[in-house]
Amino acid sequence: NVPVETGAKNALQVLQWMNRTDIPVYIGEAKPLK
């Protein structure tokens, strides 16, 4: 839906809302296979 860095930021945003910043967020692949 968005570039991977933006997606990671949004995941952290939701964890902040839900008071669950104990859960780790990992950045993955930045482009499709081919």
Full PDB file with SEQRES, HELIX, SHEET, SSBOND, CRYST1, ORIGX, SCALE, CONECT and MASTER records, all heavy atoms in Angstrom:
SEQRES   1 A   34  ASN VAL PRO VAL GLU THR GLY ALA LYS ASN ALA LEU GLN          
SEQRES   2 A   34  VAL LEU GLN TRP MET ASN ARG THR ASP ILE PRO VAL TYR          
SEQRES   3 A   34  ILE GLY GLU ALA LYS PRO LEU LYS                              
HELIX    1 AA1 VAL A    4  TRP A   17  1                                  14    
CRYST1    1.000    1.000    1.000  90.00  90.00  90.00 P 1           1          
ORIGX1      1.000000  0.000000  0.000000        0.00000                         
ORIGX2      0.000000  1.000000  0.000000        0.00000                         
ORIGX3      0.000000  0.000000  1.000000        0.00000                         
SCALE1      1.000000  0.000000  0.000000        0.00000                         
SCALE2      0.000000  1.000000  0.000000        0.00000                         
SCALE3      0.000000  0.000000  1.000000        0.00000                         
ATOM      1  N   ASN A   1       0.820  -1.209   0.000  1.00  0.00           N  
ATOM      2  CA  ASN A   1       0.000   0.000   0.000  1.00  0.00           C  
ATOM      3  C   ASN A   1       0.858   1.265   0.000  1.00  0.00           C  
ATOM      4  O   ASN A   1       0.534   2.252  -0.665  1.00  0.00           O  
ATOM      5  CB  ASN A   1      -0.917   0.020   1.225  1.00  0.00           C  
ATOM      6  CG  ASN A   1      -1.990  -1.046   1.167  1.00  0.00           C  
ATOM      7  OD1 ASN A   1      -2.501  -1.376   0.111  1.00  0.00           O  
ATOM      8  ND2 ASN A   1      -2.340  -1.589   2.329  1.00  0.00           N  
ATOM      9  N   VAL A   2       1.933   1.218   0.768  1.00  0.00           N  
ATOM     10  CA  VAL A   2       2.874   2.338   0.859  1.00  0.00           C  
ATOM     11  C   VAL A   2       4.289   1.776   0.866  1.00  0.00           C  
ATOM     12  O   VAL A   2       4.495   0.588   1.122  1.00  0.00           O  
ATOM     13  CB  VAL A   2       2.638   3.164   2.143  1.00  0.00           C  
ATOM     14  CG1 VAL A   2       1.329   3.933   2.072  1.00  0.00           C  
ATOM     15  CG2 VAL A   2       2.672   2.279   3.384  1.00  0.00           C  
ATOM     16  N   PRO A   3       5.301   2.615   0.603  1.00  0.00           N  
ATOM     17  CA  PRO A   3       6.680   2.153   0.736  1.00  0.00           C  
ATOM     18  C   PRO A   3       6.944   1.597   2.126  1.00  0.00           C  
ATOM     19  O   PRO A   3       6.301   1.979   3.106  1.00  0.00           O  
ATOM     20  CB  PRO A   3       7.498   3.418   0.458  1.00  0.00           C  
ATOM     21  CG  PRO A   3       6.608   4.245  -0.418  1.00  0.00           C  
ATOM     22  CD  PRO A   3       5.214   3.990   0.081  1.00  0.00           C  
ATOM     23  N   VAL A   4       7.920   0.718   2.213  1.00  0.00           N  
ATOM     24  CA  VAL A   4       8.105  -0.066   3.427  1.00  0.00           C  
ATOM     25  C   VAL A   4       8.441   0.804   4.643  1.00  0.00           C  
ATOM     26  O   VAL A   4       7.992   0.517   5.763  1.00  0.00           O  
ATOM     27  CB  VAL A   4       9.174  -1.154   3.183  1.00  0.00           C  
ATOM     28  CG1 VAL A   4      10.555  -0.564   2.986  1.00  0.00           C  
ATOM     29  CG2 VAL A   4       9.173  -2.180   4.287  1.00  0.00           C  
ATOM     30  N   GLU A   5       9.177   1.890   4.450  1.00  0.00           N  
ATOM     31  CA  GLU A   5       9.505   2.759   5.588  1.00  0.00           C  
ATOM     32  C   GLU A   5       8.243   3.437   6.131  1.00  0.00           C  
ATOM     33  O   GLU A   5       8.085   3.581   7.347  1.00  0.00           O  
ATOM     34  CB  GLU A   5      10.537   3.810   5.180  1.00  0.00           C  
ATOM     35  CG  GLU A   5      11.904   3.256   4.836  1.00  0.00           C  
ATOM     36  CD  GLU A   5      11.988   2.738   3.411  1.00  0.00           C  
ATOM     37  OE1 GLU A   5      10.986   2.909   2.656  1.00  0.00           O  
ATOM     38  OE2 GLU A   5      13.032   2.163   3.053  1.00  0.00           O  
ATOM     39  N   THR A   6       7.363   3.862   5.238  1.00  0.00           N  
ATOM     40  CA  THR A   6       6.101   4.473   5.667  1.00  0.00           C  
ATOM     41  C   THR A   6       5.227   3.453   6.376  1.00  0.00           C  
ATOM     42  O   THR A   6       4.598   3.754   7.404  1.00  0.00           O  
ATOM     43  CB  THR A   6       5.355   5.062   4.455  1.00  0.00           C  
ATOM     44  OG1 THR A   6       6.191   6.000   3.796  1.00  0.00           O  
ATOM     45  CG2 THR A   6       4.062   5.740   4.883  1.00  0.00           C  
ATOM     46  N   GLY A   7       5.188   2.229   5.850  1.00  0.00           N  
ATOM     47  CA  GLY A   7       4.412   1.173   6.489  1.00  0.00           C  
ATOM     48  C   GLY A   7       4.898   0.867   7.890  1.00  0.00           C  
ATOM     49  O   GLY A   7       4.102   0.658   8.815  1.00  0.00           O  
ATOM     50  N   ALA A   8       6.231   0.852   8.072  1.00  0.00           N  
ATOM     51  CA  ALA A   8       6.788   0.595   9.402  1.00  0.00           C  
ATOM     52  C   ALA A   8       6.409   1.711  10.368  1.00  0.00           C  
ATOM     53  O   ALA A   8       6.055   1.452  11.533  1.00  0.00           O  
ATOM     54  CB  ALA A   8       8.306   0.460   9.313  1.00  0.00           C  
ATOM     55  N   LYS A   9       6.460   2.950   9.907  1.00  0.00           N  
ATOM     56  CA  LYS A   9       6.054   4.079  10.749  1.00  0.00           C  
ATOM     57  C   LYS A   9       4.593   3.949  11.160  1.00  0.00           C  
ATOM     58  O   LYS A   9       4.232   4.199  12.319  1.00  0.00           O  
ATOM     59  CB  LYS A   9       6.277   5.392   9.995  1.00  0.00           C  
ATOM     60  CG  LYS A   9       5.848   6.627  10.775  1.00  0.00           C  
ATOM     61  CD  LYS A   9       6.040   7.904   9.959  1.00  0.00           C  
ATOM     62  CE  LYS A   9       5.544   9.121  10.730  1.00  0.00           C  
ATOM     63  NZ  LYS A   9       5.683  10.371   9.929  1.00  0.00           N  
ATOM     64  N   ASN A  10       3.746   3.517  10.220  1.00  0.00           N  
ATOM     65  CA  ASN A  10       2.321   3.372  10.531  1.00  0.00           C  
ATOM     66  C   ASN A  10       2.072   2.244  11.514  1.00  0.00           C  
ATOM     67  O   ASN A  10       1.187   2.334  12.367  1.00  0.00           O  
ATOM     68  CB  ASN A  10       1.530   3.169   9.242  1.00  0.00           C  
ATOM     69  CG  ASN A  10       1.516   4.411   8.372  1.00  0.00           C  
ATOM     70  OD1 ASN A  10       1.783   5.510   8.841  1.00  0.00           O  
ATOM     71  ND2 ASN A  10       1.214   4.230   7.102  1.00  0.00           N  
ATOM     72  N   ALA A  11       2.852   1.159  11.399  1.00  0.00           N  
ATOM     73  CA  ALA A  11       2.730   0.071  12.375  1.00  0.00           C  
ATOM     74  C   ALA A  11       3.093   0.575  13.768  1.00  0.00           C  
ATOM     75  O   ALA A  11       2.412   0.267  14.753  1.00  0.00           O  
ATOM     76  CB  ALA A  11       3.630  -1.095  11.974  1.00  0.00           C  
ATOM     77  N   LEU A  12       4.159   1.369  13.857  1.00  0.00           N  
ATOM     78  CA  LEU A  12       4.549   1.945  15.149  1.00  0.00           C  
ATOM     79  C   LEU A  12       3.467   2.885  15.681  1.00  0.00           C  
ATOM     80  O   LEU A  12       3.224   2.953  16.894  1.00  0.00           O  
ATOM     81  CB  LEU A  12       5.866   2.697  15.004  1.00  0.00           C  
ATOM     82  CG  LEU A  12       7.108   1.856  14.688  1.00  0.00           C  
ATOM     83  CD1 LEU A  12       8.304   2.758  14.415  1.00  0.00           C  
ATOM     84  CD2 LEU A  12       7.413   0.884  15.815  1.00  0.00           C  
ATOM     85  N   GLN A  13       2.804   3.605  14.760  1.00  0.00           N  
ATOM     86  CA  GLN A  13       1.728   4.507  15.169  1.00  0.00           C  
ATOM     87  C   GLN A  13       0.593   3.742  15.839  1.00  0.00           C  
ATOM     88  O   GLN A  13       0.086   4.150  16.894  1.00  0.00           O  
ATOM     89  CB  GLN A  13       1.191   5.253  13.949  1.00  0.00           C  
ATOM     90  CG  GLN A  13       0.108   6.280  14.245  1.00  0.00           C  
ATOM     91  CD  GLN A  13       0.660   7.507  14.935  1.00  0.00           C  
ATOM     92  OE1 GLN A  13       1.329   8.334  14.331  1.00  0.00           O  
ATOM     93  NE2 GLN A  13       0.384   7.637  16.219  1.00  0.00           N  
ATOM     94  N   VAL A  14       0.204   2.621  15.262  1.00  0.00           N  
ATOM     95  CA  VAL A  14      -0.877   1.815  15.843  1.00  0.00           C  
ATOM     96  C   VAL A  14      -0.442   1.219  17.174  1.00  0.00           C  
ATOM     97  O   VAL A  14      -1.221   1.186  18.140  1.00  0.00           O  
ATOM     98  CB  VAL A  14      -1.325   0.721  14.861  1.00  0.00           C  
ATOM     99  CG1 VAL A  14      -2.389  -0.166  15.503  1.00  0.00           C  
ATOM    100  CG2 VAL A  14      -1.869   1.332  13.578  1.00  0.00           C  
ATOM    101  N   LEU A  15       0.794   0.740  17.259  1.00  0.00           N  
ATOM    102  CA  LEU A  15       1.289   0.206  18.527  1.00  0.00           C  
ATOM    103  C   LEU A  15       1.251   1.280  19.612  1.00  0.00           C  
ATOM    104  O   LEU A  15       0.942   0.996  20.777  1.00  0.00           O  
ATOM    105  CB  LEU A  15       2.711  -0.334  18.357  1.00  0.00           C  
ATOM    106  CG  LEU A  15       2.865  -1.590  17.503  1.00  0.00           C  
ATOM    107  CD1 LEU A  15       4.333  -1.969  17.376  1.00  0.00           C  
ATOM    108  CD2 LEU A  15       2.066  -2.759  18.077  1.00  0.00           C  
ATOM    109  N   GLN A  16       1.569   2.519  19.236  1.00  0.00           N  
ATOM    110  CA  GLN A  16       1.487   3.631  20.187  1.00  0.00           C  
ATOM    111  C   GLN A  16       0.053   3.830  20.656  1.00  0.00           C  
ATOM    112  O   GLN A  16      -0.206   3.966  21.857  1.00  0.00           O  
ATOM    113  CB  GLN A  16       2.005   4.907  19.523  1.00  0.00           C  
ATOM    114  CG  GLN A  16       1.870   6.166  20.362  1.00  0.00           C  
ATOM    115  CD  GLN A  16       2.223   7.413  19.566  1.00  0.00           C  
ATOM    116  OE1 GLN A  16       3.235   7.477  18.890  1.00  0.00           O  
ATOM    117  NE2 GLN A  16       1.349   8.421  19.634  1.00  0.00           N  
ATOM    118  N   TRP A  17      -0.902   3.835  19.715  1.00  0.00           N  
ATOM    119  CA  TRP A  17      -2.307   4.008  20.077  1.00  0.00           C  
ATOM    120  C   TRP A  17      -2.776   2.937  21.047  1.00  0.00           C  
ATOM    121  O   TRP A  17      -3.545   3.201  21.967  1.00  0.00           O  
ATOM    122  CB  TRP A  17      -3.194   3.964  18.841  1.00  0.00           C  
ATOM    123  CG  TRP A  17      -3.051   5.133  17.929  1.00  0.00           C  
ATOM    124  CD1 TRP A  17      -2.489   6.345  18.215  1.00  0.00           C  
ATOM    125  CD2 TRP A  17      -3.489   5.195  16.569  1.00  0.00           C  
ATOM    126  NE1 TRP A  17      -2.540   7.161  17.097  1.00  0.00           N  
ATOM    127  CE2 TRP A  17      -3.158   6.496  16.086  1.00  0.00           C  
ATOM    128  CE3 TRP A  17      -4.122   4.299  15.717  1.00  0.00           C  
ATOM    129  CZ2 TRP A  17      -3.444   6.884  14.783  1.00  0.00           C  
ATOM    130  CZ3 TRP A  17      -4.417   4.691  14.419  1.00  0.00           C  
ATOM    131  CH2 TRP A  17      -4.073   5.982  13.959  1.00  0.00           C  
ATOM    132  N   MET A  18      -2.304   1.705  20.808  1.00  0.00           N  
ATOM    133  CA  MET A  18      -2.806   0.558  21.562  1.00  0.00           C  
ATOM    134  C   MET A  18      -1.954   0.247  22.793  1.00  0.00           C  
ATOM    135  O   MET A  18      -2.167  -0.775  23.447  1.00  0.00           O  
ATOM    136  CB  MET A  18      -2.873  -0.674  20.647  1.00  0.00           C  
ATOM    137  CG  MET A  18      -3.686  -0.481  19.376  1.00  0.00           C  
ATOM    138  SD  MET A  18      -5.412  -0.051  19.678  1.00  0.00           S  
ATOM    139  CE  MET A  18      -6.052  -1.609  20.302  1.00  0.00           C  
ATOM    140  N   ASN A  19      -0.978   1.104  23.087  1.00  0.00           N  
ATOM    141  CA  ASN A  19      -0.085   0.898  24.232  1.00  0.00           C  
ATOM    142  C   ASN A  19       0.618  -0.458  24.186  1.00  0.00           C  
ATOM    143  O   ASN A  19       0.720  -1.157  25.192  1.00  0.00           O  
ATOM    144  CB  ASN A  19      -0.863   1.059  25.551  1.00  0.00           C  
ATOM    145  CG  ASN A  19      -1.404   2.448  25.757  1.00  0.00           C  
ATOM    146  OD1 ASN A  19      -0.697   3.428  25.572  1.00  0.00           O  
ATOM    147  ND2 ASN A  19      -2.682   2.528  26.111  1.00  0.00           N  
ATOM    148  N   ARG A  20       1.116  -0.819  22.995  1.00  0.00           N  
ATOM    149  CA  ARG A  20       1.799  -2.096  22.832  1.00  0.00           C  
ATOM    150  C   ARG A  20       3.156  -1.909  22.131  1.00  0.00           C  
ATOM    151  O   ARG A  20       3.503  -2.654  21.228  1.00  0.00           O  
ATOM    152  CB  ARG A  20       0.922  -3.066  22.025  1.00  0.00           C  
ATOM    153  CG  ARG A  20      -0.294  -3.580  22.764  1.00  0.00           C  
ATOM    154  CD  ARG A  20       0.057  -4.287  24.083  1.00  0.00           C  
ATOM    155  NE  ARG A  20       1.112  -5.268  23.948  1.00  0.00           N  
ATOM    156  CZ  ARG A  20       0.895  -6.539  23.608  1.00  0.00           C  
ATOM    157  NH1 ARG A  20      -0.333  -6.962  23.377  1.00  0.00           N  
ATOM    158  NH2 ARG A  20       1.908  -7.369  23.513  1.00  0.00           N  
ATOM    159  N   THR A  21       3.893  -0.915  22.583  1.00  0.00           N  
ATOM    160  CA  THR A  21       5.199  -0.663  21.964  1.00  0.00           C  
ATOM    161  C   THR A  21       6.252  -1.691  22.361  1.00  0.00           C  
ATOM    162  O   THR A  21       7.420  -1.572  21.978  1.00  0.00           O  
ATOM    163  CB  THR A  21       5.691   0.751  22.324  1.00  0.00           C  
ATOM    164  OG1 THR A  21       5.688   0.912  23.744  1.00  0.00           O  
ATOM    165  CG2 THR A  21       4.794   1.813  21.688  1.00  0.00           C  
ATOM    166  N   ASP A  22       5.840  -2.714  23.112  1.00  0.00           N  
ATOM    167  CA  ASP A  22       6.739  -3.826  23.418  1.00  0.00           C  
ATOM    168  C   ASP A  22       6.913  -4.762  22.236  1.00  0.00           C  
ATOM    169  O   ASP A  22       7.849  -5.580  22.210  1.00  0.00           O  
ATOM    170  CB  ASP A  22       6.196  -4.626  24.609  1.00  0.00           C  
ATOM    171  CG  ASP A  22       4.774  -5.130  24.355  1.00  0.00           C  
ATOM    172  OD1 ASP A  22       3.879  -4.272  24.160  1.00  0.00           O  
ATOM    173  OD2 ASP A  22       4.553  -6.356  24.345  1.00  0.00           O  
ATOM    174  N   ILE A  23       6.038  -4.669  21.253  1.00  0.00           N  
ATOM    175  CA  ILE A  23       6.072  -5.586  20.097  1.00  0.00           C  
ATOM    176  C   ILE A  23       7.035  -5.037  19.051  1.00  0.00           C  
ATOM    177  O   ILE A  23       6.914  -3.876  18.629  1.00  0.00           O  
ATOM    178  CB  ILE A  23       4.670  -5.757  19.495  1.00  0.00           C  
ATOM    179  CG1 ILE A  23       3.735  -6.394  20.525  1.00  0.00           C  
ATOM    180  CG2 ILE A  23       4.717  -6.600  18.228  1.00  0.00           C  
ATOM    181  CD1 ILE A  23       2.285  -6.441  20.106  1.00  0.00           C  
ATOM    182  N   PRO A  24       8.001  -5.837  18.588  1.00  0.00           N  
ATOM    183  CA  PRO A  24       8.973  -5.342  17.614  1.00  0.00           C  
ATOM    184  C   PRO A  24       8.390  -5.233  16.207  1.00  0.00           C  
ATOM    185  O   PRO A  24       7.525  -6.019  15.823  1.00  0.00           O  
ATOM    186  CB  PRO A  24      10.083  -6.392  17.661  1.00  0.00           C  
ATOM    187  CG  PRO A  24       9.379  -7.657  18.053  1.00  0.00           C  
ATOM    188  CD  PRO A  24       8.289  -7.224  19.010  1.00  0.00           C  
ATOM    189  N   VAL A  25       8.882  -4.242  15.465  1.00  0.00           N  
ATOM    190  CA  VAL A  25       8.497  -4.028  14.067  1.00  0.00           C  
ATOM    191  C   VAL A  25       9.749  -4.157  13.208  1.00  0.00           C  
ATOM    192  O   VAL A  25      10.770  -3.512  13.501  1.00  0.00           O  
ATOM    193  CB  VAL A  25       7.862  -2.637  13.872  1.00  0.00           C  
ATOM    194  CG1 VAL A  25       7.573  -2.378  12.392  1.00  0.00           C  
ATOM    195  CG2 VAL A  25       6.579  -2.508  14.700  1.00  0.00           C  
ATOM    196  N   TYR A  26       9.667  -4.979  12.165  1.00  0.00           N  
ATOM    197  CA  TYR A  26      10.806  -5.230  11.292  1.00  0.00           C  
ATOM    198  C   TYR A  26      10.512  -4.749   9.872  1.00  0.00           C  
ATOM    199  O   TYR A  26       9.460  -5.063   9.312  1.00  0.00           O  
ATOM    200  CB  TYR A  26      11.147  -6.716  11.257  1.00  0.00           C  
ATOM    201  CG  TYR A  26      11.719  -7.244  12.555  1.00  0.00           C  
ATOM    202  CD1 TYR A  26      10.885  -7.622  13.603  1.00  0.00           C  
ATOM    203  CD2 TYR A  26      13.089  -7.359  12.729  1.00  0.00           C  
ATOM    204  CE1 TYR A  26      11.404  -8.101  14.794  1.00  0.00           C  
ATOM    205  CE2 TYR A  26      13.625  -7.844  13.922  1.00  0.00           C  
ATOM    206  CZ  TYR A  26      12.777  -8.209  14.947  1.00  0.00           C  
ATOM    207  OH  TYR A  26      13.289  -8.676  16.121  1.00  0.00           O  
ATOM    208  N   ILE A  27      11.453  -4.020   9.297  1.00  0.00           N  
ATOM    209  CA  ILE A  27      11.337  -3.575   7.911  1.00  0.00           C  
ATOM    210  C   ILE A  27      11.763  -4.709   6.982  1.00  0.00           C  
ATOM    211  O   ILE A  27      12.825  -5.316   7.163  1.00  0.00           O  
ATOM    212  CB  ILE A  27      12.191  -2.323   7.658  1.00  0.00           C  
ATOM    213  CG1 ILE A  27      11.608  -1.126   8.424  1.00  0.00           C  
ATOM    214  CG2 ILE A  27      12.290  -2.014   6.181  1.00  0.00           C  
ATOM    215  CD1 ILE A  27      12.421   0.141   8.300  1.00  0.00           C  
ATOM    216  N   GLY A  28      10.921  -4.979   5.982  1.00  0.00           N  
ATOM    217  CA  GLY A  28      11.193  -6.056   5.047  1.00  0.00           C  
ATOM    218  C   GLY A  28      11.510  -5.557   3.649  1.00  0.00           C  
ATOM    219  O   GLY A  28      12.128  -4.510   3.460  1.00  0.00           O  
ATOM    220  N   GLU A  29      11.026  -6.309   2.664  1.00  0.00           N  
ATOM    221  CA  GLU A  29      11.383  -6.071   1.267  1.00  0.00           C  
ATOM    222  C   GLU A  29      10.808  -4.754   0.757  1.00  0.00           C  
ATOM    223  O   GLU A  29       9.637  -4.450   0.968  1.00  0.00           O  
ATOM    224  CB  GLU A  29      10.901  -7.228   0.408  1.00  0.00           C  
ATOM    225  CG  GLU A  29      11.548  -8.561   0.755  1.00  0.00           C  
ATOM    226  CD  GLU A  29      13.052  -8.532   0.564  1.00  0.00           C  
ATOM    227  OE1 GLU A  29      13.494  -8.290  -0.584  1.00  0.00           O  
ATOM    228  OE2 GLU A  29      13.785  -8.741   1.553  1.00  0.00           O  
ATOM    229  N   ALA A  30      11.643  -3.998   0.041  1.00  0.00           N  
ATOM    230  CA  ALA A  30      11.264  -2.675  -0.454  1.00  0.00           C  
ATOM    231  C   ALA A  30      10.769  -2.698  -1.890  1.00  0.00           C  
ATOM    232  O   ALA A  30      10.310  -1.668  -2.400  1.00  0.00           O  
ATOM    233  CB  ALA A  30      12.450  -1.715  -0.341  1.00  0.00           C  
ATOM    234  N   LYS A  31      10.844  -3.844  -2.552  1.00  0.00           N  
ATOM    235  CA  LYS A  31      10.338  -3.953  -3.915  1.00  0.00           C  
ATOM    236  C   LYS A  31       9.913  -5.395  -4.186  1.00  0.00           C  
ATOM    237  O   LYS A  31      10.389  -6.323  -3.525  1.00  0.00           O  
ATOM    238  CB  LYS A  31      11.390  -3.507  -4.923  1.00  0.00           C  
ATOM    239  CG  LYS A  31      12.668  -4.319  -4.891  1.00  0.00           C  
ATOM    240  CD  LYS A  31      13.684  -3.785  -5.895  1.00  0.00           C  
ATOM    241  CE  LYS A  31      14.965  -4.619  -5.880  1.00  0.00           C  
ATOM    242  NZ  LYS A  31      15.953  -4.107  -6.860  1.00  0.00           N  
ATOM    243  N   PRO A  32       9.011  -5.603  -5.123  1.00  0.00           N  
ATOM    244  CA  PRO A  32       8.579  -6.963  -5.466  1.00  0.00           C  
ATOM    245  C   PRO A  32       9.728  -7.812  -6.010  1.00  0.00           C  
ATOM    246  O   PRO A  32      10.805  -7.283  -6.339  1.00  0.00           O  
ATOM    247  CB  PRO A  32       7.505  -6.726  -6.532  1.00  0.00           C  
ATOM    248  CG  PRO A  32       7.029  -5.329  -6.295  1.00  0.00           C  
ATOM    249  CD  PRO A  32       8.242  -4.572  -5.829  1.00  0.00           C  
ATOM    250  N   LEU A  33       9.487  -9.107  -6.137  1.00  0.00           N  
ATOM    251  CA  LEU A  33      10.528 -10.024  -6.608  1.00  0.00           C  
ATOM    252  C   LEU A  33      11.056  -9.640  -7.987  1.00  0.00           C  
ATOM    253  O   LEU A  33      12.268  -9.630  -8.226  1.00  0.00           O  
ATOM    254  CB  LEU A  33       9.997 -11.457  -6.652  1.00  0.00           C  
ATOM    255  CG  LEU A  33       9.642 -12.156  -5.339  1.00  0.00           C  
ATOM    256  CD1 LEU A  33       9.294 -13.618  -5.604  1.00  0.00           C  
ATOM    257  CD2 LEU A  33      10.768 -12.048  -4.318  1.00  0.00           C  
ATOM    258  N   LYS A  34      10.145  -9.329  -8.928  1.00  0.00           N  
ATOM    259  CA  LYS A  34      10.559  -9.107 -10.308  1.00  0.00           C  
ATOM    260  C   LYS A  34      10.017  -7.820 -10.917  1.00  0.00           C  
ATOM    261  O   LYS A  34      10.739  -7.097 -11.577  1.00  0.00           O  
ATOM    262  CB  LYS A  34      10.136 -10.297 -11.188  1.00  0.00           C  
ATOM    263  CG  LYS A  34      10.792 -11.613 -10.802  1.00  0.00           C  
ATOM    264  CD  LYS A  34      10.316 -12.747 -11.722  1.00  0.00           C  
ATOM    265  CE  LYS A  34      10.958 -14.076 -11.340  1.00  0.00           C  
ATOM    266  NZ  LYS A  34      10.481 -15.193 -12.226  1.00  0.00           N  
TER     267      LYS A  34                                                      
MASTER        0    0    0    1    0    0    0    6  266    1    0    3          
END                                                                             
